[in-house]
């Protein structure tokens, strides 16, 4: 098994989180390495839902089929098939399993009404426009509270994406702190095994411009 990809993220040159695996205990290594390699088979989504979910996640996370670094659809599918949720849901929504089925169907219905095809078959620009309309529109969207269905989609997408070592490489995260731990806490303080961001000016800023 190789411990990292040959593609070195430009923002953190030479950094590969899996190089830190020797510092983790066996249980931690097992959990992290289970997320790399061949994605799990799809068990929860049917083929139509899988296509819609993949297009949805690609737009939310700015991934593309030819350069997708994290298999988000397979990871979300495995989580739903395994009955792993956040442990709660909005009281005006069905449980997460049913909400995923119905919201992906609604996303295809939306695309058929506006573009005459499924959401996955729309161009990337149109997918972005459809999602922007869902997020920013008025009133409920096809029986869903807009902010709450958006929350469901983005929670699952971000949880999957940022649990994967490829995403950790992209943001310079050195992985689990157990059992070694981190000692240099604070802004702009790094451990010896961490790499400085070569483009800090691209860090997201809050509403105050900081």
N, C-alpha and C. Protein backbone atom coordinates (compact mmCIF):
# COMPACT_ATOMS: atom_id res chain seq x y z
N UNK A 1 0.85 -1.20 0.00
CA UNK A 1 0.00 0.00 0.00
C UNK A 1 0.88 1.24 0.00
N UNK A 2 0.62 2.17 -0.92
CA UNK A 2 1.33 3.43 -0.90
C UNK A 2 0.70 4.33 0.14
N UNK A 3 1.49 5.22 0.70
CA UNK A 3 0.97 6.05 1.79
C UNK A 3 0.46 7.38 1.31
N UNK A 4 0.71 7.75 0.06
CA UNK A 4 0.16 9.01 -0.42
C UNK A 4 0.19 9.05 -1.94
N UNK A 5 -0.56 10.02 -2.47
CA UNK A 5 -0.61 10.23 -3.91
C UNK A 5 0.65 10.93 -4.37
N UNK A 6 0.95 10.81 -5.67
CA UNK A 6 2.09 11.52 -6.23
C UNK A 6 1.77 13.00 -6.47
N UNK A 7 0.50 13.37 -6.35
CA UNK A 7 0.10 14.76 -6.58
C UNK A 7 0.26 15.55 -5.29
N UNK A 8 1.23 16.43 -5.24
CA UNK A 8 1.49 17.21 -4.04
C UNK A 8 0.68 18.50 -4.08
N UNK A 9 -0.17 18.76 -3.10
CA UNK A 9 -0.95 20.00 -3.09
C UNK A 9 -0.03 21.22 -3.10
N UNK A 10 -0.29 22.17 -3.98
CA UNK A 10 0.60 23.31 -4.14
C UNK A 10 0.64 24.20 -2.90
N UNK A 11 -0.45 24.29 -2.18
CA UNK A 11 -0.46 25.21 -1.04
C UNK A 11 0.41 24.72 0.10
N UNK A 12 0.59 23.41 0.19
CA UNK A 12 1.39 22.82 1.27
C UNK A 12 2.40 21.86 0.66
N UNK A 13 3.40 22.38 -0.03
CA UNK A 13 4.33 21.54 -0.80
C UNK A 13 5.05 20.51 0.06
N UNK A 14 5.03 19.28 -0.43
CA UNK A 14 5.71 18.20 0.27
C UNK A 14 4.92 17.58 1.40
N UNK A 15 3.73 18.11 1.68
CA UNK A 15 2.94 17.62 2.81
C UNK A 15 2.02 16.49 2.38
N UNK A 16 2.07 15.37 3.09
CA UNK A 16 1.17 14.24 2.88
C UNK A 16 0.78 13.71 4.25
N UNK A 17 -0.47 13.83 4.60
CA UNK A 17 -0.89 13.47 5.95
C UNK A 17 -0.62 12.01 6.27
N UNK A 18 -0.71 11.13 5.28
CA UNK A 18 -0.51 9.71 5.56
C UNK A 18 0.94 9.39 5.91
N UNK A 19 1.85 10.32 5.68
CA UNK A 19 3.21 10.13 6.16
C UNK A 19 3.27 10.13 7.68
N UNK A 20 2.21 10.65 8.32
CA UNK A 20 2.16 10.69 9.78
C UNK A 20 1.60 9.40 10.38
N UNK A 21 1.21 8.45 9.53
CA UNK A 21 0.53 7.25 10.02
C UNK A 21 1.35 6.47 11.04
N UNK A 22 2.66 6.52 10.90
CA UNK A 22 3.51 5.78 11.84
C UNK A 22 3.41 6.33 13.26
N UNK A 23 2.91 7.54 13.40
CA UNK A 23 2.76 8.15 14.73
C UNK A 23 1.40 7.84 15.36
N UNK A 24 0.50 7.22 14.60
CA UNK A 24 -0.83 6.91 15.11
C UNK A 24 -0.84 5.51 15.71
N UNK A 25 -1.79 5.25 16.59
CA UNK A 25 -1.93 3.88 17.07
C UNK A 25 -2.66 3.04 16.01
N UNK A 26 -2.70 1.75 16.22
CA UNK A 26 -3.23 0.85 15.19
C UNK A 26 -4.69 1.12 14.88
N UNK A 27 -5.47 1.41 15.91
CA UNK A 27 -6.90 1.67 15.69
C UNK A 27 -7.10 2.92 14.84
N UNK A 28 -6.33 3.97 15.14
CA UNK A 28 -6.43 5.21 14.36
C UNK A 28 -6.01 4.97 12.92
N UNK A 29 -4.89 4.26 12.73
CA UNK A 29 -4.45 3.95 11.36
C UNK A 29 -5.52 3.18 10.60
N UNK A 30 -6.14 2.22 11.26
CA UNK A 30 -7.15 1.41 10.61
C UNK A 30 -8.33 2.26 10.15
N UNK A 31 -8.78 3.17 11.00
CA UNK A 31 -9.91 4.03 10.65
C UNK A 31 -9.56 4.93 9.47
N UNK A 32 -8.39 5.56 9.52
CA UNK A 32 -8.01 6.50 8.46
C UNK A 32 -7.78 5.77 7.14
N UNK A 33 -7.06 4.65 7.17
CA UNK A 33 -6.77 3.95 5.92
C UNK A 33 -8.01 3.29 5.32
N UNK A 34 -9.05 3.09 6.13
CA UNK A 34 -10.29 2.54 5.58
C UNK A 34 -10.97 3.53 4.64
N UNK A 35 -10.56 4.79 4.70
CA UNK A 35 -11.19 5.83 3.88
C UNK A 35 -10.49 6.04 2.54
N UNK A 36 -9.36 5.38 2.33
CA UNK A 36 -8.63 5.53 1.08
C UNK A 36 -8.72 4.23 0.29
N UNK A 37 -8.31 4.30 -0.97
CA UNK A 37 -8.41 3.12 -1.81
C UNK A 37 -9.75 3.03 -2.49
N UNK A 38 -10.17 1.83 -2.79
CA UNK A 38 -11.42 1.61 -3.54
C UNK A 38 -12.62 2.02 -2.69
N UNK A 39 -13.49 2.90 -3.22
CA UNK A 39 -14.68 3.31 -2.47
C UNK A 39 -15.62 2.12 -2.26
N UNK A 40 -16.43 2.17 -1.22
CA UNK A 40 -17.40 1.09 -1.00
C UNK A 40 -18.46 1.07 -2.09
N UNK A 41 -19.05 -0.09 -2.32
CA UNK A 41 -20.12 -0.21 -3.30
C UNK A 41 -21.34 0.59 -2.85
N UNK A 42 -22.11 1.07 -3.82
CA UNK A 42 -23.33 1.82 -3.53
C UNK A 42 -24.42 0.84 -3.07
N UNK A 43 -25.01 1.14 -1.92
CA UNK A 43 -26.04 0.26 -1.36
C UNK A 43 -27.34 0.99 -1.03
N UNK A 44 -27.26 2.28 -0.75
CA UNK A 44 -28.45 3.03 -0.32
C UNK A 44 -29.15 3.70 -1.50
N UNK A 45 -28.40 4.42 -2.32
CA UNK A 45 -28.97 5.11 -3.47
C UNK A 45 -29.22 4.13 -4.61
N UNK A 46 -30.31 4.34 -5.36
CA UNK A 46 -30.45 3.61 -6.62
C UNK A 46 -29.65 4.36 -7.68
N UNK A 47 -29.63 3.85 -8.91
CA UNK A 47 -28.76 4.42 -9.94
C UNK A 47 -29.12 5.87 -10.26
N UNK A 48 -30.42 6.17 -10.29
CA UNK A 48 -30.85 7.54 -10.60
C UNK A 48 -30.47 8.48 -9.46
N UNK A 49 -30.70 8.04 -8.23
CA UNK A 49 -30.34 8.85 -7.07
C UNK A 49 -28.82 9.05 -6.99
N UNK A 50 -28.08 8.01 -7.30
CA UNK A 50 -26.61 8.12 -7.26
C UNK A 50 -26.12 9.20 -8.22
N UNK A 51 -26.70 9.24 -9.43
CA UNK A 51 -26.30 10.25 -10.40
C UNK A 51 -26.64 11.65 -9.91
N UNK A 52 -27.83 11.82 -9.35
CA UNK A 52 -28.24 13.13 -8.83
C UNK A 52 -27.37 13.54 -7.65
N UNK A 53 -27.11 12.60 -6.74
CA UNK A 53 -26.29 12.91 -5.57
C UNK A 53 -24.87 13.28 -5.97
N UNK A 54 -24.31 12.56 -6.93
CA UNK A 54 -22.95 12.85 -7.37
C UNK A 54 -22.85 14.25 -7.97
N UNK A 55 -23.82 14.61 -8.80
CA UNK A 55 -23.82 15.96 -9.38
C UNK A 55 -24.01 17.02 -8.30
N UNK A 56 -24.88 16.74 -7.34
CA UNK A 56 -25.11 17.67 -6.23
C UNK A 56 -23.82 17.88 -5.44
N UNK A 57 -23.17 16.80 -5.05
CA UNK A 57 -21.94 16.92 -4.26
C UNK A 57 -20.82 17.59 -5.05
N UNK A 58 -20.73 17.30 -6.33
CA UNK A 58 -19.70 17.94 -7.15
C UNK A 58 -19.88 19.46 -7.17
N UNK A 59 -21.13 19.91 -7.28
CA UNK A 59 -21.36 21.36 -7.29
C UNK A 59 -21.13 21.97 -5.91
N UNK A 60 -21.56 21.30 -4.86
CA UNK A 60 -21.37 21.84 -3.52
C UNK A 60 -19.90 21.94 -3.14
N UNK A 61 -19.10 20.99 -3.63
CA UNK A 61 -17.70 20.89 -3.21
C UNK A 61 -16.71 21.27 -4.31
N UNK A 62 -17.23 21.70 -5.46
CA UNK A 62 -16.40 22.11 -6.59
C UNK A 62 -15.46 20.99 -7.02
N UNK A 63 -16.01 19.78 -7.13
CA UNK A 63 -15.26 18.66 -7.69
C UNK A 63 -15.78 18.38 -9.10
N UNK A 64 -14.94 17.72 -9.90
CA UNK A 64 -15.32 17.35 -11.25
C UNK A 64 -14.94 15.90 -11.51
N UNK A 65 -15.68 15.23 -12.39
CA UNK A 65 -15.45 13.79 -12.58
C UNK A 65 -14.00 13.42 -12.88
N UNK A 66 -13.30 14.25 -13.65
CA UNK A 66 -11.94 13.89 -14.05
C UNK A 66 -10.89 14.27 -13.01
N UNK A 67 -11.31 14.94 -11.93
CA UNK A 67 -10.33 15.34 -10.91
C UNK A 67 -10.93 15.27 -9.51
N UNK A 68 -11.81 14.31 -9.32
CA UNK A 68 -12.49 14.15 -8.03
C UNK A 68 -11.53 13.50 -7.03
N UNK A 69 -11.21 14.20 -5.94
CA UNK A 69 -10.22 13.67 -5.00
C UNK A 69 -10.84 12.88 -3.86
N UNK A 70 -12.13 13.06 -3.62
CA UNK A 70 -12.80 12.35 -2.53
C UNK A 70 -14.10 11.73 -3.08
N UNK A 71 -14.32 10.42 -2.87
CA UNK A 71 -15.54 9.76 -3.37
C UNK A 71 -16.73 10.04 -2.45
N UNK A 72 -17.21 11.27 -2.46
CA UNK A 72 -18.21 11.71 -1.49
C UNK A 72 -19.50 10.91 -1.60
N UNK A 73 -19.96 10.65 -2.82
CA UNK A 73 -21.22 9.91 -2.97
C UNK A 73 -21.14 8.55 -2.30
N UNK A 74 -20.06 7.83 -2.55
CA UNK A 74 -19.90 6.50 -1.94
C UNK A 74 -19.81 6.59 -0.43
N UNK A 75 -19.17 7.63 0.08
CA UNK A 75 -19.03 7.77 1.53
C UNK A 75 -20.36 8.11 2.19
N UNK A 76 -21.13 9.00 1.57
CA UNK A 76 -22.45 9.33 2.11
C UNK A 76 -23.37 8.12 2.01
N UNK A 77 -23.31 7.42 0.89
CA UNK A 77 -24.12 6.22 0.71
C UNK A 77 -23.82 5.19 1.80
N UNK A 78 -22.54 4.96 2.07
CA UNK A 78 -22.16 3.99 3.09
C UNK A 78 -22.68 4.41 4.46
N UNK A 79 -22.63 5.69 4.72
CA UNK A 79 -23.14 6.20 6.00
C UNK A 79 -24.64 5.98 6.13
N UNK A 80 -25.38 6.28 5.07
CA UNK A 80 -26.83 6.10 5.12
C UNK A 80 -27.21 4.62 5.16
N UNK A 81 -26.50 3.80 4.39
CA UNK A 81 -26.78 2.36 4.40
C UNK A 81 -26.49 1.76 5.77
N UNK A 82 -25.52 2.33 6.47
CA UNK A 82 -25.17 1.85 7.80
C UNK A 82 -25.99 2.48 8.91
N UNK A 83 -27.01 3.26 8.55
CA UNK A 83 -27.89 3.92 9.53
C UNK A 83 -27.11 4.87 10.44
N UNK A 84 -26.11 5.54 9.88
CA UNK A 84 -25.32 6.49 10.65
C UNK A 84 -25.76 7.91 10.31
N UNK A 85 -26.45 8.55 11.22
CA UNK A 85 -26.91 9.92 11.00
C UNK A 85 -26.29 10.83 12.06
N UNK A 86 -26.72 12.07 12.08
CA UNK A 86 -26.25 13.00 13.11
C UNK A 86 -26.96 12.78 14.44
N UNK A 87 -27.94 11.87 14.45
CA UNK A 87 -28.65 11.58 15.69
C UNK A 87 -29.84 12.48 15.95
N UNK A 88 -30.18 13.32 14.96
CA UNK A 88 -31.33 14.22 15.11
C UNK A 88 -31.80 14.60 13.71
N UNK A 89 -33.01 15.12 13.62
CA UNK A 89 -33.47 15.73 12.38
C UNK A 89 -34.51 16.78 12.73
N UNK A 90 -34.73 17.72 11.81
CA UNK A 90 -35.72 18.77 12.06
C UNK A 90 -37.09 18.14 12.23
N UNK A 91 -37.89 18.71 13.15
CA UNK A 91 -39.17 18.08 13.46
C UNK A 91 -40.18 18.19 12.32
N UNK A 92 -39.92 19.08 11.35
CA UNK A 92 -40.84 19.18 10.22
C UNK A 92 -40.31 18.44 8.99
N UNK A 93 -39.28 17.61 9.18
CA UNK A 93 -38.74 16.79 8.10
C UNK A 93 -38.78 15.33 8.48
N UNK A 94 -38.82 14.46 7.48
CA UNK A 94 -38.71 13.03 7.72
C UNK A 94 -37.30 12.71 8.20
N UNK A 95 -37.07 11.45 8.57
CA UNK A 95 -35.72 11.07 8.96
C UNK A 95 -34.79 11.24 7.77
N UNK A 96 -33.49 11.21 8.03
CA UNK A 96 -32.51 11.52 6.99
C UNK A 96 -32.61 10.57 5.80
N UNK A 97 -32.87 9.30 6.04
CA UNK A 97 -32.93 8.34 4.93
C UNK A 97 -34.05 8.72 3.95
N UNK A 98 -35.23 8.97 4.49
CA UNK A 98 -36.36 9.35 3.63
C UNK A 98 -36.13 10.72 3.00
N UNK A 99 -35.54 11.64 3.75
CA UNK A 99 -35.30 12.98 3.20
C UNK A 99 -34.32 12.95 2.05
N UNK A 100 -33.33 12.07 2.12
CA UNK A 100 -32.40 11.96 0.99
C UNK A 100 -33.10 11.41 -0.24
N UNK A 101 -33.89 10.36 -0.07
CA UNK A 101 -34.61 9.80 -1.22
C UNK A 101 -35.52 10.86 -1.85
N UNK A 102 -36.32 11.52 -1.04
CA UNK A 102 -37.32 12.44 -1.59
C UNK A 102 -36.68 13.71 -2.13
N UNK A 103 -35.63 14.20 -1.50
CA UNK A 103 -35.02 15.45 -1.98
C UNK A 103 -34.26 15.25 -3.28
N UNK A 104 -33.63 14.10 -3.47
CA UNK A 104 -32.96 13.84 -4.75
C UNK A 104 -33.98 13.67 -5.87
N UNK A 105 -35.11 13.04 -5.56
CA UNK A 105 -36.18 12.94 -6.55
C UNK A 105 -36.72 14.33 -6.89
N UNK A 106 -36.86 15.18 -5.87
CA UNK A 106 -37.33 16.55 -6.10
C UNK A 106 -36.33 17.35 -6.93
N UNK A 107 -35.05 17.10 -6.72
CA UNK A 107 -34.02 17.79 -7.50
C UNK A 107 -34.13 17.43 -8.98
N UNK A 108 -34.38 16.17 -9.26
CA UNK A 108 -34.60 15.76 -10.66
C UNK A 108 -35.89 16.36 -11.21
N UNK A 109 -36.94 16.41 -10.40
CA UNK A 109 -38.20 17.02 -10.85
C UNK A 109 -37.98 18.49 -11.21
N UNK A 110 -37.19 19.18 -10.38
CA UNK A 110 -36.89 20.59 -10.64
C UNK A 110 -36.19 20.75 -11.99
N UNK A 111 -35.20 19.90 -12.23
CA UNK A 111 -34.44 19.99 -13.48
C UNK A 111 -35.32 19.64 -14.69
N UNK A 112 -36.19 18.68 -14.53
CA UNK A 112 -37.07 18.31 -15.65
C UNK A 112 -38.00 19.46 -16.01
N UNK A 113 -38.50 20.17 -15.00
CA UNK A 113 -39.41 21.28 -15.27
C UNK A 113 -38.69 22.46 -15.93
N UNK A 114 -37.44 22.70 -15.54
CA UNK A 114 -36.73 23.86 -16.06
C UNK A 114 -35.89 23.56 -17.29
N UNK A 115 -35.37 22.33 -17.38
CA UNK A 115 -34.43 22.00 -18.45
C UNK A 115 -34.82 20.77 -19.26
N UNK A 116 -35.88 20.10 -18.87
CA UNK A 116 -36.34 18.94 -19.63
C UNK A 116 -35.46 17.71 -19.49
N UNK A 117 -34.67 17.64 -18.43
CA UNK A 117 -33.79 16.49 -18.23
C UNK A 117 -33.50 16.33 -16.75
N UNK A 118 -32.73 15.32 -16.39
CA UNK A 118 -32.40 15.11 -14.98
C UNK A 118 -31.36 16.13 -14.52
N UNK A 119 -31.24 16.27 -13.22
CA UNK A 119 -30.26 17.20 -12.67
C UNK A 119 -28.85 16.81 -13.10
N UNK A 120 -28.54 15.53 -13.08
CA UNK A 120 -27.20 15.07 -13.44
C UNK A 120 -26.87 15.36 -14.90
N UNK A 121 -27.90 15.40 -15.76
CA UNK A 121 -27.67 15.63 -17.19
C UNK A 121 -27.57 17.11 -17.55
N UNK A 122 -27.88 17.98 -16.62
CA UNK A 122 -27.75 19.42 -16.88
C UNK A 122 -26.28 19.82 -16.94
N UNK A 123 -26.00 20.93 -17.58
CA UNK A 123 -24.63 21.44 -17.57
C UNK A 123 -24.26 21.88 -16.15
N UNK A 124 -22.97 22.00 -15.91
CA UNK A 124 -22.54 22.44 -14.58
C UNK A 124 -23.08 23.82 -14.25
N UNK A 125 -23.10 24.71 -15.23
CA UNK A 125 -23.64 26.05 -14.99
C UNK A 125 -25.10 26.00 -14.58
N UNK A 126 -25.87 25.17 -15.29
CA UNK A 126 -27.29 25.07 -14.95
C UNK A 126 -27.48 24.41 -13.59
N UNK A 127 -26.66 23.43 -13.28
CA UNK A 127 -26.76 22.82 -11.95
C UNK A 127 -26.52 23.87 -10.87
N UNK A 128 -25.52 24.72 -11.07
CA UNK A 128 -25.24 25.78 -10.11
C UNK A 128 -26.43 26.73 -9.99
N UNK A 129 -27.02 27.07 -11.11
CA UNK A 129 -28.15 28.00 -11.09
C UNK A 129 -29.36 27.38 -10.40
N UNK A 130 -29.60 26.11 -10.65
CA UNK A 130 -30.72 25.43 -10.00
C UNK A 130 -30.52 25.40 -8.49
N UNK A 131 -29.31 25.07 -8.07
CA UNK A 131 -29.04 25.01 -6.63
C UNK A 131 -29.12 26.39 -5.99
N UNK A 132 -28.64 27.41 -6.69
CA UNK A 132 -28.74 28.77 -6.15
C UNK A 132 -30.20 29.17 -5.98
N UNK A 133 -31.04 28.77 -6.94
CA UNK A 133 -32.46 29.07 -6.84
C UNK A 133 -33.12 28.37 -5.66
N UNK A 134 -32.68 27.14 -5.41
CA UNK A 134 -33.22 26.40 -4.26
C UNK A 134 -32.79 27.07 -2.96
N UNK A 135 -31.52 27.41 -2.87
CA UNK A 135 -30.98 27.98 -1.63
C UNK A 135 -31.55 29.37 -1.35
N UNK A 136 -31.68 30.20 -2.36
CA UNK A 136 -31.99 31.61 -2.14
C UNK A 136 -33.43 31.98 -2.45
N UNK A 137 -34.23 31.02 -2.88
CA UNK A 137 -35.62 31.33 -3.23
C UNK A 137 -36.48 31.63 -2.02
N UNK A 138 -37.72 31.99 -2.29
CA UNK A 138 -38.68 32.33 -1.23
C UNK A 138 -39.60 31.15 -0.94
N UNK A 139 -40.03 31.05 0.31
CA UNK A 139 -40.97 30.01 0.68
C UNK A 139 -40.33 28.63 0.67
N UNK A 140 -41.17 27.62 0.84
CA UNK A 140 -40.68 26.25 0.81
C UNK A 140 -40.32 25.85 -0.61
N UNK A 141 -39.48 24.83 -0.71
CA UNK A 141 -39.11 24.27 -2.01
C UNK A 141 -39.59 22.83 -2.08
N UNK A 142 -40.60 22.60 -2.88
CA UNK A 142 -41.13 21.26 -3.12
C UNK A 142 -41.39 20.49 -1.81
N UNK A 143 -41.98 21.22 -0.87
CA UNK A 143 -42.34 20.61 0.41
C UNK A 143 -41.25 20.64 1.46
N UNK A 144 -40.10 21.17 1.12
CA UNK A 144 -38.98 21.27 2.07
C UNK A 144 -38.75 22.72 2.48
N UNK A 145 -38.43 22.93 3.74
CA UNK A 145 -37.91 24.21 4.18
C UNK A 145 -36.53 24.38 3.54
N UNK A 146 -36.35 25.46 2.78
CA UNK A 146 -35.13 25.59 1.98
C UNK A 146 -33.85 25.49 2.80
N UNK A 147 -33.79 26.23 3.89
CA UNK A 147 -32.57 26.24 4.69
C UNK A 147 -32.30 24.86 5.30
N UNK A 148 -33.35 24.12 5.58
CA UNK A 148 -33.17 22.84 6.25
C UNK A 148 -32.75 21.74 5.29
N UNK A 149 -33.28 21.76 4.07
CA UNK A 149 -32.80 20.75 3.11
C UNK A 149 -31.38 21.09 2.68
N UNK A 150 -31.09 22.40 2.59
CA UNK A 150 -29.72 22.81 2.29
C UNK A 150 -28.77 22.35 3.39
N UNK A 151 -29.22 22.45 4.62
CA UNK A 151 -28.42 21.99 5.76
C UNK A 151 -28.16 20.49 5.66
N UNK A 152 -29.17 19.71 5.32
CA UNK A 152 -28.99 18.26 5.19
C UNK A 152 -27.94 17.96 4.14
N UNK A 153 -28.08 18.55 2.96
CA UNK A 153 -27.14 18.28 1.87
C UNK A 153 -25.72 18.68 2.24
N UNK A 154 -25.55 19.88 2.77
CA UNK A 154 -24.19 20.36 3.03
C UNK A 154 -23.56 19.67 4.24
N UNK A 155 -24.34 19.32 5.24
CA UNK A 155 -23.78 18.60 6.39
C UNK A 155 -23.17 17.27 5.96
N UNK A 156 -23.92 16.52 5.19
CA UNK A 156 -23.42 15.21 4.76
C UNK A 156 -22.25 15.37 3.79
N UNK A 157 -22.34 16.34 2.89
CA UNK A 157 -21.26 16.54 1.91
C UNK A 157 -19.96 16.92 2.61
N UNK A 158 -20.03 17.88 3.52
CA UNK A 158 -18.80 18.37 4.17
C UNK A 158 -18.24 17.35 5.15
N UNK A 159 -19.11 16.63 5.85
CA UNK A 159 -18.63 15.60 6.77
C UNK A 159 -17.85 14.54 6.02
N UNK A 160 -18.37 14.11 4.87
CA UNK A 160 -17.66 13.10 4.08
C UNK A 160 -16.36 13.65 3.53
N UNK A 161 -16.43 14.81 2.90
CA UNK A 161 -15.25 15.37 2.23
C UNK A 161 -14.11 15.59 3.22
N UNK A 162 -14.41 16.23 4.35
CA UNK A 162 -13.33 16.60 5.27
C UNK A 162 -12.97 15.50 6.27
N UNK A 163 -13.52 14.30 6.06
CA UNK A 163 -13.05 13.15 6.83
C UNK A 163 -12.03 12.34 6.04
N UNK A 164 -11.75 12.78 4.81
CA UNK A 164 -10.88 12.01 3.91
C UNK A 164 -9.46 12.59 3.90
N UNK A 165 -8.44 11.74 3.95
CA UNK A 165 -7.05 12.23 3.96
C UNK A 165 -6.69 13.11 2.77
N UNK A 166 -7.31 12.90 1.62
CA UNK A 166 -7.01 13.75 0.46
C UNK A 166 -7.42 15.19 0.73
N UNK A 167 -8.53 15.38 1.43
CA UNK A 167 -8.95 16.74 1.80
C UNK A 167 -8.03 17.31 2.86
N UNK A 168 -7.54 16.46 3.76
CA UNK A 168 -6.59 16.94 4.78
C UNK A 168 -5.32 17.46 4.11
N UNK A 169 -4.84 16.74 3.08
CA UNK A 169 -3.68 17.22 2.33
C UNK A 169 -3.96 18.60 1.74
N UNK A 170 -5.16 18.77 1.23
CA UNK A 170 -5.51 20.02 0.55
C UNK A 170 -5.52 21.20 1.50
N UNK A 171 -5.85 20.97 2.77
CA UNK A 171 -5.93 22.08 3.73
C UNK A 171 -4.78 22.08 4.73
N UNK A 172 -3.83 21.15 4.56
CA UNK A 172 -2.67 21.13 5.42
C UNK A 172 -2.93 20.61 6.82
N UNK A 173 -3.98 19.81 6.98
CA UNK A 173 -4.31 19.25 8.30
C UNK A 173 -3.50 17.98 8.53
N UNK A 174 -2.81 17.92 9.65
CA UNK A 174 -1.88 16.81 9.90
C UNK A 174 -2.53 15.58 10.51
N UNK A 175 -3.83 15.55 10.58
CA UNK A 175 -4.51 14.33 10.99
C UNK A 175 -4.75 14.21 12.48
N UNK A 176 -5.14 13.02 12.91
CA UNK A 176 -5.51 12.81 14.32
C UNK A 176 -4.38 13.18 15.28
N UNK A 177 -4.75 13.71 16.41
CA UNK A 177 -3.77 14.12 17.41
C UNK A 177 -3.45 12.99 18.39
N UNK A 178 -4.01 11.81 18.15
CA UNK A 178 -3.84 10.72 19.10
C UNK A 178 -2.91 9.66 18.53
N UNK A 179 -1.95 9.16 19.30
CA UNK A 179 -1.68 9.51 20.70
C UNK A 179 -0.63 10.61 20.88
N UNK A 180 -0.05 11.08 19.78
CA UNK A 180 1.05 12.04 19.90
C UNK A 180 0.61 13.38 20.45
N UNK A 181 -0.49 13.90 19.93
CA UNK A 181 -0.99 15.19 20.37
C UNK A 181 -0.33 16.37 19.66
N UNK A 182 -0.87 17.55 19.92
CA UNK A 182 -0.31 18.80 19.40
C UNK A 182 0.13 19.65 20.59
N UNK A 183 1.29 20.28 20.48
CA UNK A 183 1.78 21.09 21.59
C UNK A 183 1.90 22.57 21.24
N UNK A 184 2.08 22.91 19.96
CA UNK A 184 2.26 24.31 19.56
C UNK A 184 0.92 24.91 19.16
N UNK A 185 0.12 25.25 20.15
CA UNK A 185 -1.22 25.76 19.90
C UNK A 185 -1.19 27.27 19.71
N UNK A 186 -2.02 27.76 18.80
CA UNK A 186 -2.09 29.20 18.57
C UNK A 186 -1.97 29.54 17.10
N UNK A 187 -2.37 30.76 16.75
CA UNK A 187 -2.35 31.21 15.37
C UNK A 187 -0.91 31.27 14.85
N UNK A 188 -0.71 30.70 13.66
CA UNK A 188 0.59 30.70 12.98
C UNK A 188 1.67 29.93 13.74
N UNK A 189 1.28 29.08 14.66
CA UNK A 189 2.25 28.21 15.32
C UNK A 189 2.09 26.81 14.75
N UNK A 190 3.19 26.18 14.39
CA UNK A 190 3.13 24.89 13.72
C UNK A 190 3.98 23.86 14.45
N UNK A 191 3.55 22.61 14.30
CA UNK A 191 4.36 21.49 14.76
C UNK A 191 5.48 21.25 13.75
N UNK A 192 6.54 20.55 14.14
CA UNK A 192 7.63 20.28 13.20
C UNK A 192 7.19 19.52 11.95
N UNK A 193 6.12 18.74 12.08
CA UNK A 193 5.65 17.93 10.95
C UNK A 193 4.63 18.66 10.08
N UNK A 194 4.26 19.89 10.43
CA UNK A 194 3.32 20.66 9.63
C UNK A 194 4.06 21.53 8.62
N UNK A 195 3.35 21.93 7.57
CA UNK A 195 3.93 22.71 6.48
C UNK A 195 3.20 24.04 6.37
N UNK A 196 3.95 25.11 6.16
CA UNK A 196 3.34 26.44 6.05
C UNK A 196 2.54 26.57 4.76
N UNK A 197 1.45 27.31 4.84
CA UNK A 197 0.63 27.62 3.68
C UNK A 197 1.38 28.61 2.79
N UNK A 198 1.59 28.25 1.53
CA UNK A 198 2.32 29.14 0.63
C UNK A 198 1.44 30.24 0.05
N UNK A 199 0.11 30.13 0.25
CA UNK A 199 -0.79 31.16 -0.28
C UNK A 199 -1.80 31.57 0.79
N UNK A 200 -1.32 32.11 1.92
CA UNK A 200 -2.25 32.45 3.01
C UNK A 200 -3.25 33.53 2.62
N UNK A 201 -2.94 34.31 1.60
CA UNK A 201 -3.87 35.36 1.18
C UNK A 201 -5.16 34.79 0.62
N UNK A 202 -5.17 33.50 0.30
CA UNK A 202 -6.38 32.88 -0.24
C UNK A 202 -7.27 32.29 0.84
N UNK A 203 -6.88 32.44 2.10
CA UNK A 203 -7.73 31.95 3.18
C UNK A 203 -9.05 32.71 3.18
N UNK A 204 -10.17 32.00 3.42
CA UNK A 204 -11.47 32.70 3.49
C UNK A 204 -11.46 33.76 4.57
N UNK A 205 -12.16 34.85 4.32
CA UNK A 205 -12.26 35.94 5.29
C UNK A 205 -13.69 36.03 5.80
N UNK A 206 -13.83 36.51 7.03
CA UNK A 206 -15.17 36.68 7.56
C UNK A 206 -15.76 37.99 7.06
N UNK A 207 -16.95 38.32 7.52
CA UNK A 207 -17.64 39.50 7.02
C UNK A 207 -16.96 40.82 7.32
N UNK A 208 -15.99 40.81 8.23
CA UNK A 208 -15.30 42.05 8.57
C UNK A 208 -14.07 42.27 7.70
N UNK A 209 -13.77 41.29 6.82
CA UNK A 209 -12.60 41.42 5.96
C UNK A 209 -11.34 40.88 6.57
N UNK A 210 -11.46 40.27 7.77
CA UNK A 210 -10.28 39.74 8.43
C UNK A 210 -9.95 38.35 7.92
